[in-house]
Amino acid sequence: MSAPPAGRFTESVDWVDGRVFTSGRLTSAAADLVGGTAEQLRRAGHASITVELHATEATDDDGLAALRAVAADLRVRHCQLIVVWEEKENLQ
């Protein structure tokens, strides 16, 4: 399997530990995908979900706002969204 094209958003899910690993560009559409995955993890019984953005190449303001909205929506359902991310110079 080859690597996805640069900038293309992908996610992989650890269903046992409730973790989502992302790569590519985090846009509002990408955050919506993460939100759907997080909701499925919540329904599977996870009270805490971790999203790893270490391999994310770039973000935009809409993507970050959408990810905050996902966290707020999960919080209402008594579920915590933990986002792990190291800001790099190329993230905008």
Protein backbone atom coordinates (compact mmCIF):
# COMPACT_ATOMS: atom_id res chain seq x y z
CA MET A 1 0.00 0.00 0.00
CA SER A 2 1.40 3.41 -0.91
CA ALA A 3 1.22 6.53 1.23
CA PRO A 4 -1.69 8.93 0.58
CA PRO A 5 -0.96 12.07 -1.45
CA ALA A 6 0.41 15.02 0.54
CA GLY A 7 -2.34 16.97 2.25
CA ARG A 8 -4.95 14.22 1.92
CA PHE A 9 -6.59 13.53 5.27
CA THR A 10 -6.55 9.99 6.65
CA GLU A 11 -7.40 8.50 10.01
CA SER A 12 -6.80 5.16 11.64
CA VAL A 13 -8.68 3.98 14.69
CA ASP A 14 -7.63 1.96 17.70
CA TRP A 15 -11.01 0.59 18.79
CA VAL A 16 -9.59 -1.06 21.91
CA ASP A 17 -7.97 2.06 23.41
CA GLY A 18 -10.33 4.67 21.92
CA ARG A 19 -7.67 6.50 19.90
CA VAL A 20 -7.79 8.17 16.50
CA PHE A 21 -4.55 8.79 14.59
CA THR A 22 -4.70 11.37 11.81
CA SER A 23 -2.49 12.55 8.98
CA GLY A 24 -2.87 15.11 6.23
CA ARG A 25 -4.69 18.44 6.40
CA LEU A 26 -7.25 19.02 9.15
CA THR A 27 -10.13 20.90 7.52
CA SER A 28 -13.71 21.22 8.72
CA ALA A 29 -14.62 18.18 6.58
CA ALA A 30 -11.77 16.19 8.14
CA ALA A 31 -12.87 17.25 11.64
CA ASP A 32 -16.38 16.08 10.74
CA LEU A 33 -14.93 12.64 9.91
CA VAL A 34 -13.09 12.60 13.25
CA GLY A 35 -16.35 13.58 14.95
CA GLY A 36 -18.19 10.67 13.37
CA THR A 37 -15.46 8.28 14.44
CA ALA A 38 -15.44 9.73 17.96
CA GLU A 39 -19.21 9.27 18.17
CA GLN A 40 -18.86 5.61 17.16
CA LEU A 41 -16.17 5.13 19.81
CA ARG A 42 -18.46 6.75 22.39
CA ARG A 43 -21.29 4.41 21.39
CA ALA A 44 -18.86 1.50 21.75
CA GLY A 45 -18.45 2.46 25.41
CA HIS A 46 -15.45 4.80 25.50
CA ALA A 47 -15.82 7.69 27.95
CA SER A 48 -12.53 9.23 26.83
CA ILE A 49 -11.31 9.46 23.24
CA THR A 50 -7.84 10.60 22.21
CA VAL A 51 -7.15 12.17 18.82
CA GLU A 52 -3.47 12.14 17.82
CA LEU A 53 -2.69 14.97 15.40
CA HIS A 54 1.09 14.43 15.38
CA ALA A 55 1.15 13.44 11.69
CA THR A 56 -1.21 16.24 10.68
CA GLU A 57 0.53 18.41 8.13
CA ALA A 58 -1.64 21.51 8.39
CA THR A 59 -4.81 22.86 9.93
CA ASP A 60 -7.13 25.71 9.14
CA ASP A 61 -9.26 27.81 11.47
CA ASP A 62 -12.46 26.07 10.34
CA GLY A 63 -10.95 22.65 11.04
CA LEU A 64 -9.91 23.64 14.56
CA ALA A 65 -13.30 25.21 15.23
CA ALA A 66 -15.05 22.06 14.01
CA LEU A 67 -12.84 19.92 16.26
CA ARG A 68 -13.76 22.15 19.23
CA ALA A 69 -17.44 21.65 18.33
CA VAL A 70 -16.91 17.88 18.33
CA ALA A 71 -15.39 18.12 21.81
CA ALA A 72 -18.31 20.23 23.04
CA ASP A 73 -20.85 17.80 21.58
CA LEU A 74 -19.14 14.84 23.23
CA ARG A 75 -18.91 16.69 26.55
CA VAL A 76 -22.71 17.04 26.59
CA ARG A 77 -22.82 13.24 26.28
CA HIS A 78 -20.40 12.81 29.24
CA CYS A 79 -17.47 11.90 27.01
CA GLN A 80 -14.07 13.60 26.91
CA LEU A 81 -12.16 14.34 23.70
CA ILE A 82 -8.41 14.65 24.25
CA VAL A 83 -6.45 16.18 21.38
CA VAL A 84 -2.70 15.57 21.30
CA TRP A 85 -0.87 17.91 18.97
CA GLU A 86 2.51 19.56 18.77
CA GLU A 87 2.34 22.79 16.84
CA LYS A 88 4.92 22.93 14.10
CA GLU A 89 5.98 25.79 11.88
CA ASN A 90 4.19 24.33 8.88
CA LEU A 91 0.82 24.14 10.67
CA GLN A 92 -1.22 27.18 9.74
